[in-house]
Amino acid sequence: MHKDRLVLVLLLAGFALMGAKCNAVGGGSDEEKNLPSRALAASPLLRTYYDTLTTPKGMTDIKIPEDKDDLKKHGPLVVKFDMGGSAVITDVRCRLRIAGPLGTEVSKTELICRIQAPGGTLSPWKVVDWNDSDVFDPQVEVAFLNEFDGLVSDGTWEIQLQDALDDGDGRCVFRNGTLRLNLGETTPGGAANDSDTISLTAAVFNTVPELFSRRDKADWGEFGMQAMLRIPFTMTNSFFVRGYALTFSLLVYEGNDPLSDVYWMLIAPSGTWVMYSLDGLVAEEFEDTANRRKVLTFVVGQSTGSGLPEAFPFRGEPSAGTWTLCLMDHVIDNNVCFLSKDAAMTTMLVPDSPPTLDLSGVS
């Protein structure tokens, strides 16, 4: 098993270095714009365009075209990914972080998406479907399940985006995207299930920052990733991830109920992300009535066994490297909470779980 792991690490590292070059998105050069760093490939079949953690404050808006005359002249927005692996294609998926037009929910726009394979094969246009128009979704996925069957993975793939209606509702903005071929996994070695767990026993105590963004509730392209509260977990075992479980606690003082305002993110070493609200989650609650406060402990996670296996957002991600928990409050109202840990508050003797990340998968 250790030999298999070493081969896996060398394979992925070698491909990441070979495929580090990506084509510019939106025209011009990156040096002329305020943009994140390009992400290295997670594997020959899985790549995120930008390293999410490096997103700067005031990221340059990469606008998705809507005007019909502009589309005739310049075409759709094209995001290119250099892929490898020499795999026969059976499944293609892209995940997108799109910020809506100013003053309009992104889910009320009419975005469409298609994929072009290296040889020029084009999929039909598909609707970028946010499912429920009243729910903010920072990671919509568009699946192409049989359009490219039998093609080979090597070469430059394109995600193409445009607004289907020239109705003046404003232009959406591309923040990041991930392309996953054949669920992102090169063939696992067949070893038994593997896992890795990190629990941060060192003291962690800090305010969850309140950050305002104009385009949507958590547009990290506006306030930048440095502004969020970030907690790193460095994993050492190497395997393909098929599940995660994340535990963390928040300290809330009496009279404060910020949970409907708080979003959490988990970012993989490659830059792939998930982002969700705490609203509606069931927390283990401990009342510290003497100090008029309470600790809420959350356990969140997903796996290939907790939903559609192919839709697991980190499918194919190598486990080794630094995974990052990020927290932010999207309403500026001084209704704050704190990421907490017992050791940081000597007067607080309550069961306060340290931040813990558990990854599981196959070698």
Protein backbone atom coordinates (compact mmCIF):
# COMPACT_ATOMS: atom_id res chain seq x y z
CA MET A 1 0.00 0.00 0.00
CA HIS A 2 2.82 2.42 0.84
CA LYS A 3 4.40 1.77 -2.58
CA ASP A 4 1.03 2.45 -4.26
CA ARG A 5 0.74 5.71 -2.35
CA LEU A 6 4.23 6.81 -3.41
CA VAL A 7 3.43 6.09 -7.07
CA LEU A 8 0.18 8.05 -6.73
CA VAL A 9 1.92 11.06 -5.19
CA LEU A 10 4.67 11.09 -7.84
CA LEU A 11 2.15 10.74 -10.66
CA LEU A 12 -0.03 13.61 -9.45
CA ALA A 13 2.89 15.88 -8.61
CA GLY A 14 4.47 15.29 -12.00
CA PHE A 15 1.27 16.03 -13.87
CA ALA A 16 0.60 19.15 -11.78
CA LEU A 17 3.97 20.56 -12.77
CA MET A 18 3.59 19.64 -16.45
CA GLY A 19 0.08 21.09 -16.63
CA ALA A 20 0.70 24.27 -14.67
CA LYS A 21 0.20 26.45 -17.72
CA CYS A 22 -3.41 27.46 -18.50
CA ASN A 23 -4.82 29.76 -21.13
CA ALA A 24 -6.06 33.20 -20.05
CA VAL A 25 -9.79 33.63 -19.50
CA GLY A 26 -11.69 36.72 -20.56
CA GLY A 27 -8.94 38.09 -22.85
CA GLY A 28 -5.74 39.99 -22.08
CA SER A 29 -3.04 38.78 -19.72
CA ASP A 30 -3.31 37.88 -16.04
CA GLU A 31 -0.57 40.39 -15.24
CA GLU A 32 -2.88 43.21 -16.32
CA LYS A 33 -5.64 42.12 -13.96
CA ASN A 34 -6.24 41.58 -10.26
CA LEU A 35 -6.76 37.82 -10.33
CA PRO A 36 -6.04 34.75 -8.19
CA SER A 37 -3.12 32.44 -8.94
CA ARG A 38 -3.72 29.63 -11.40
CA ALA A 39 -4.31 26.30 -9.69
CA LEU A 40 -2.16 23.26 -10.36
CA ALA A 41 -3.96 20.16 -11.57
CA ALA A 42 -5.33 17.93 -8.82
CA SER A 43 -4.91 14.94 -11.16
CA PRO A 44 -4.69 14.41 -14.92
CA LEU A 45 -8.51 14.30 -14.97
CA LEU A 46 -9.36 17.03 -12.45
CA ARG A 47 -8.49 20.70 -12.49
CA THR A 48 -9.74 23.90 -10.86
CA TYR A 49 -9.00 27.07 -12.82
CA TYR A 50 -7.96 29.38 -9.96
CA ASP A 51 -6.46 28.59 -6.56
CA THR A 52 -9.46 29.79 -4.55
CA LEU A 53 -7.42 30.69 -1.46
CA THR A 54 -5.41 33.26 -3.44
CA THR A 55 -8.48 35.26 -4.55
CA PRO A 56 -7.59 38.94 -3.96
CA LYS A 57 -9.84 41.70 -2.68
CA GLY A 58 -11.48 43.43 -5.62
CA MET A 59 -10.87 40.57 -8.06
CA THR A 60 -11.21 41.74 -11.66
CA ASP A 61 -14.72 40.98 -12.92
CA ILE A 62 -14.63 38.40 -15.72
CA LYS A 63 -18.01 39.14 -17.23
CA ILE A 64 -20.15 36.57 -19.02
CA PRO A 65 -21.52 38.06 -22.26
CA GLU A 66 -25.23 38.78 -22.68
CA ASP A 67 -25.52 41.35 -25.46
CA LYS A 68 -26.38 39.62 -28.75
CA ASP A 69 -24.19 41.93 -30.82
CA ASP A 70 -21.23 41.31 -28.48
CA LEU A 71 -21.84 37.57 -28.72
CA LYS A 72 -21.86 37.71 -32.52
CA LYS A 73 -18.56 39.57 -32.50
CA HIS A 74 -16.65 37.88 -29.67
CA GLY A 75 -18.58 34.69 -28.82
CA PRO A 76 -19.16 33.26 -25.33
CA LEU A 77 -16.76 33.44 -22.40
CA VAL A 78 -14.26 30.59 -22.83
CA VAL A 79 -12.42 28.95 -19.90
CA LYS A 80 -9.69 26.52 -21.00
CA PHE A 81 -8.26 23.54 -19.11
CA ASP A 82 -5.23 21.47 -20.16
CA MET A 83 -6.00 17.86 -19.23
CA GLY A 84 -4.17 14.53 -19.54
CA GLY A 85 -4.43 10.95 -18.37
CA SER A 86 -5.01 9.32 -21.80
CA ALA A 87 -8.35 8.09 -20.44
CA VAL A 88 -11.38 7.09 -22.52
CA ILE A 89 -14.12 9.55 -21.56
CA THR A 90 -17.32 8.30 -19.91
CA ASP A 91 -18.37 11.35 -17.87
CA VAL A 92 -17.66 15.12 -17.94
CA ARG A 93 -18.71 17.63 -15.26
CA CYS A 94 -18.02 21.27 -14.54
CA ARG A 95 -18.64 23.16 -11.29
CA LEU A 96 -18.96 26.93 -11.39
CA ARG A 97 -18.74 29.84 -8.98
CA ILE A 98 -20.76 32.58 -10.65
CA ALA A 99 -21.57 35.93 -9.03
CA GLY A 100 -24.80 37.53 -10.18
CA PRO A 101 -25.31 40.95 -11.72
CA LEU A 102 -25.49 43.91 -9.35
CA GLY A 103 -29.00 44.01 -7.92
CA THR A 104 -30.09 40.66 -9.38
CA GLU A 105 -29.92 37.17 -7.87
CA VAL A 106 -27.75 34.97 -10.08
CA SER A 107 -30.46 32.28 -10.00
CA LYS A 108 -32.82 34.66 -11.81
CA THR A 109 -30.51 34.96 -14.83
CA GLU A 110 -30.56 32.71 -17.91
CA LEU A 111 -27.01 31.35 -18.10
CA ILE A 112 -26.21 28.49 -20.43
CA CYS A 113 -23.06 26.37 -20.65
CA ARG A 114 -21.46 23.95 -23.06
CA ILE A 115 -18.20 21.98 -23.27
CA GLN A 116 -15.80 21.65 -26.20
CA ALA A 117 -13.45 18.65 -26.31
CA PRO A 118 -9.84 18.87 -27.62
CA GLY A 119 -10.79 17.57 -31.06
CA GLY A 120 -13.53 20.16 -31.48
CA THR A 121 -16.53 18.06 -30.43
CA LEU A 122 -19.15 20.38 -28.92
CA SER A 123 -21.90 19.49 -26.48
CA PRO A 124 -25.35 21.08 -26.79
CA TRP A 125 -25.97 24.17 -24.68
CA LYS A 126 -27.30 23.31 -21.21
CA VAL A 127 -29.03 25.55 -18.69
CA VAL A 128 -26.96 26.45 -15.63
CA ASP A 129 -29.66 25.29 -13.23
CA TRP A 130 -29.76 26.71 -9.71
CA ASN A 131 -32.76 24.43 -8.98
CA ASP A 132 -34.54 26.74 -6.52
CA SER A 133 -34.55 30.40 -7.56
CA ASP A 134 -34.75 31.48 -3.91
CA VAL A 135 -31.66 29.56 -2.78
CA PHE A 136 -28.17 31.01 -3.13
CA ASP A 137 -25.89 28.35 -4.63
CA PRO A 138 -22.17 29.13 -4.87
CA GLN A 139 -21.27 25.83 -6.55
CA VAL A 140 -23.62 24.87 -9.32
CA GLU A 141 -22.70 21.79 -11.39
CA VAL A 142 -23.46 21.07 -15.03
CA ALA A 143 -23.11 17.42 -16.08
CA PHE A 144 -22.40 16.03 -19.56
CA LEU A 145 -22.99 12.33 -19.10
CA ASN A 146 -22.66 10.89 -22.60
CA GLU A 147 -21.84 13.70 -25.02
CA PHE A 148 -18.13 12.80 -25.11
CA ASP A 149 -18.19 9.03 -24.62
CA GLY A 150 -15.27 7.32 -26.31
CA LEU A 151 -13.09 10.41 -26.75
CA VAL A 152 -9.63 10.62 -25.15
CA SER A 153 -9.00 13.00 -22.24
CA ASP A 154 -5.68 14.50 -23.42
CA GLY A 155 -5.62 18.08 -24.66
CA THR A 156 -7.32 21.43 -24.06
CA TRP A 157 -10.97 21.36 -22.98
CA GLU A 158 -13.20 24.44 -22.91
CA ILE A 159 -16.09 25.53 -20.71
CA GLN A 160 -18.13 28.08 -22.67
CA LEU A 161 -20.61 30.40 -20.91
CA GLN A 162 -23.13 33.00 -22.03
CA ASP A 163 -26.42 34.55 -20.95
CA ALA A 164 -29.14 33.12 -23.17
CA LEU A 165 -31.36 36.23 -23.11
CA ASP A 166 -30.36 39.76 -23.99
CA ASP A 167 -32.88 41.16 -21.49
CA GLY A 168 -30.80 43.80 -19.74
CA ASP A 169 -30.73 42.07 -16.36
CA GLY A 170 -26.98 42.65 -16.12
CA ARG A 171 -23.90 40.53 -16.66
CA CYS A 172 -22.92 37.66 -14.40
CA VAL A 173 -19.29 37.31 -13.35
CA PHE A 174 -17.10 34.17 -13.48
CA ARG A 175 -15.12 33.66 -10.25
CA ASN A 176 -13.89 30.07 -10.59
CA GLY A 177 -14.58 26.72 -12.18
CA THR A 178 -13.60 23.06 -11.95
CA LEU A 179 -13.51 20.52 -14.78
CA ARG A 180 -13.80 16.85 -13.80
CA LEU A 181 -13.37 14.05 -16.35
CA ASN A 182 -14.42 10.48 -15.45
CA LEU A 183 -15.15 11.66 -11.88
CA GLY A 184 -11.57 12.91 -11.57
CA GLU A 185 -10.05 9.61 -10.53
CA THR A 186 -7.23 7.94 -12.33
CA THR A 187 -7.65 4.20 -11.72
CA PRO A 188 -7.35 3.49 -7.96
CA GLY A 189 -4.88 0.80 -7.02
CA GLY A 190 -7.54 -1.35 -5.42
CA ALA A 191 -6.20 -0.96 -1.88
CA ALA A 192 -8.53 -1.01 1.10
CA ASN A 193 -10.40 2.13 2.11
CA ASP A 194 -8.13 4.78 3.59
CA SER A 195 -8.60 7.82 5.82
CA ASP A 196 -6.82 10.67 7.55
CA THR A 197 -7.94 12.81 10.50
CA ILE A 198 -6.55 16.07 11.86
CA SER A 199 -7.81 17.59 15.11
CA LEU A 200 -6.45 21.05 15.98
CA THR A 201 -5.71 20.72 19.69
CA ALA A 202 -3.86 24.05 19.77
CA ALA A 203 -5.98 26.97 20.96
CA VAL A 204 -8.17 28.54 18.30
CA PHE A 205 -10.33 31.52 19.20
CA ASN A 206 -11.24 34.25 16.79
CA THR A 207 -14.16 36.34 15.54
CA VAL A 208 -16.00 35.19 12.45
CA PRO A 209 -15.61 38.33 10.28
CA GLU A 210 -18.60 40.24 8.92
CA LEU A 211 -18.02 40.82 5.20
CA PHE A 212 -20.32 42.63 2.79
CA SER A 213 -20.49 41.95 -0.94
CA ARG A 214 -22.76 43.60 -3.48
CA ARG A 215 -23.30 40.88 -6.07
CA ASP A 216 -24.43 38.11 -3.75
CA LYS A 217 -24.26 37.03 -0.11
CA ALA A 218 -20.73 35.67 -0.20
CA ASP A 219 -18.87 36.95 -3.24
CA TRP A 220 -15.30 36.19 -2.23
CA GLY A 221 -14.13 37.94 -5.37
CA GLU A 222 -15.17 41.24 -3.80
CA PHE A 223 -13.84 40.97 -0.24
CA GLY A 224 -11.00 38.51 -0.97
CA MET A 225 -10.15 35.24 0.75
CA GLN A 226 -7.66 36.89 3.12
CA ALA A 227 -10.61 38.61 4.83
CA MET A 228 -12.25 35.32 5.84
CA LEU A 229 -11.37 33.42 9.02
CA ARG A 230 -9.20 30.54 7.78
CA ILE A 231 -8.29 27.32 9.61
CA PRO A 232 -5.80 25.00 7.86
CA PHE A 233 -5.65 21.21 8.16
CA THR A 234 -2.53 19.55 6.72
CA MET A 235 -3.21 15.96 5.69
CA THR A 236 -0.33 13.55 5.05
CA ASN A 237 -1.88 10.30 3.76
CA SER A 238 -2.36 10.04 -0.01
CA PHE A 239 -5.55 8.62 -1.51
CA PHE A 240 -8.52 9.69 -3.65
CA VAL A 241 -11.12 11.43 -1.48
CA ARG A 242 -14.64 10.01 -1.39
CA GLY A 243 -15.92 11.57 1.81
CA TYR A 244 -15.28 14.23 4.44
CA ALA A 245 -16.55 15.04 7.92
CA LEU A 246 -15.87 18.44 9.47
CA THR A 247 -16.45 19.40 13.11
CA PHE A 248 -16.17 22.90 14.56
CA SER A 249 -17.70 24.94 17.39
CA LEU A 250 -19.01 28.50 17.54
CA LEU A 251 -19.36 30.58 20.67
CA VAL A 252 -22.46 32.80 20.71
CA TYR A 253 -23.38 35.32 23.41
CA GLU A 254 -26.89 35.79 24.75
CA GLY A 255 -29.11 37.82 22.44
CA ASN A 256 -27.05 37.03 19.35
CA ASP A 257 -28.32 34.68 16.65
CA PRO A 258 -25.93 35.07 13.72
CA LEU A 259 -26.22 31.55 12.35
CA SER A 260 -28.53 32.46 9.47
CA ASP A 261 -25.80 34.88 8.37
CA VAL A 262 -22.75 32.57 8.61
CA TYR A 263 -21.29 30.68 5.65
CA TRP A 264 -18.61 28.02 5.88
CA MET A 265 -16.27 26.82 3.14
CA LEU A 266 -13.98 23.84 2.79
CA ILE A 267 -11.25 24.29 0.18
CA ALA A 268 -9.12 21.42 -1.13
CA PRO A 269 -5.36 21.81 -1.79
CA SER A 270 -6.12 22.07 -5.53
CA GLY A 271 -8.52 25.00 -5.05
CA THR A 272 -11.80 23.09 -5.39
CA TRP A 273 -14.39 24.28 -2.89
CA VAL A 274 -17.76 23.77 -1.21
CA MET A 275 -19.63 26.63 0.46
CA TYR A 276 -22.82 26.39 2.53
CA SER A 277 -24.84 28.36 5.06
CA LEU A 278 -25.20 27.22 8.67
CA ASP A 279 -28.88 28.15 8.51
CA GLY A 280 -31.04 25.10 9.16
CA LEU A 281 -28.25 22.86 10.48
CA VAL A 282 -28.82 21.07 13.77
CA ALA A 283 -26.07 21.83 16.29
CA GLU A 284 -25.16 20.22 19.58
CA GLU A 285 -25.80 23.03 22.05
CA PHE A 286 -24.23 23.65 25.46
CA GLU A 287 -25.56 26.51 27.59
CA ASP A 288 -23.04 28.42 29.71
CA THR A 289 -25.73 30.32 31.60
CA ALA A 290 -23.39 31.77 34.21
CA ASN A 291 -21.57 33.67 31.48
CA ARG A 292 -24.68 34.24 29.31
CA ARG A 293 -23.34 32.38 26.32
CA LYS A 294 -23.57 29.05 24.55
CA VAL A 295 -21.39 26.82 22.42
CA LEU A 296 -22.82 25.33 19.23
CA THR A 297 -20.98 22.34 17.77
CA PHE A 298 -21.56 21.49 14.11
CA VAL A 299 -20.73 18.29 12.28
CA VAL A 300 -21.02 18.62 8.51
CA GLY A 301 -19.96 16.32 5.73
CA GLN A 302 -20.67 14.55 2.48
CA SER A 303 -19.57 11.33 0.83
CA THR A 304 -20.19 9.17 -2.20
CA GLY A 305 -22.54 7.19 0.04
CA SER A 306 -24.61 10.15 1.25
CA GLY A 307 -26.03 11.11 -2.15
CA LEU A 308 -25.33 10.51 -5.80
CA PRO A 309 -21.77 9.05 -5.83
CA GLU A 310 -20.83 10.90 -9.02
CA ALA A 311 -22.01 14.25 -7.61
CA PHE A 312 -19.72 14.24 -4.56
CA PRO A 313 -17.95 17.63 -4.91
CA PHE A 314 -14.45 16.40 -3.96
CA ARG A 315 -14.56 13.19 -6.01
CA GLY A 316 -11.08 12.51 -7.36
CA GLU A 317 -9.29 15.02 -5.11
CA PRO A 318 -5.96 13.75 -3.74
CA SER A 319 -6.09 13.91 0.05
CA ALA A 320 -2.51 15.01 0.81
CA GLY A 321 -1.89 18.70 1.37
CA THR A 322 -3.54 21.59 3.20
CA TRP A 323 -7.33 21.69 3.36
CA THR A 324 -8.80 24.95 4.66
CA LEU A 325 -11.96 25.74 6.60
CA CYS A 326 -13.13 29.32 5.98
CA LEU A 327 -15.86 31.20 7.84
CA MET A 328 -17.62 34.51 7.18
CA ASP A 329 -20.76 36.41 8.20
CA HIS A 330 -22.45 38.07 5.22
CA VAL A 331 -24.39 40.67 7.28
CA ILE A 332 -22.62 43.59 8.96
CA ASP A 333 -24.68 44.14 12.12
CA ASN A 334 -22.26 43.45 15.02
CA ASN A 335 -24.24 40.25 15.66
CA VAL A 336 -21.03 38.25 15.87
CA CYS A 337 -19.94 34.77 16.87
CA PHE A 338 -16.54 33.20 17.50
CA LEU A 339 -14.76 30.08 16.37
CA SER A 340 -13.82 28.62 19.72
CA LYS A 341 -11.68 26.10 21.53
CA ASP A 342 -11.57 25.44 25.30
CA ALA A 343 -7.87 26.08 25.74
CA ALA A 344 -8.25 29.65 24.48
CA MET A 345 -10.68 30.60 27.28
CA THR A 346 -9.48 29.49 30.69
CA THR A 347 -12.75 30.59 32.33
CA MET A 348 -14.89 28.52 29.99
CA LEU A 349 -15.23 24.94 31.17
CA VAL A 350 -17.64 23.53 28.62
CA PRO A 351 -17.44 20.69 26.08
CA ASP A 352 -16.04 22.70 23.19
CA SER A 353 -14.96 20.46 20.30
CA PRO A 354 -11.76 21.51 18.51
CA PRO A 355 -11.90 21.93 14.72
CA THR A 356 -11.49 18.45 13.21
CA LEU A 357 -11.38 17.26 9.61
CA ASP A 358 -11.70 13.62 8.61
CA LEU A 359 -11.14 12.51 5.02
CA SER A 360 -11.91 9.03 3.67
CA GLY A 361 -11.38 7.43 0.30
CA VAL A 362 -9.51 4.84 -1.73
CA SER A 363 -5.83 4.44 -2.56
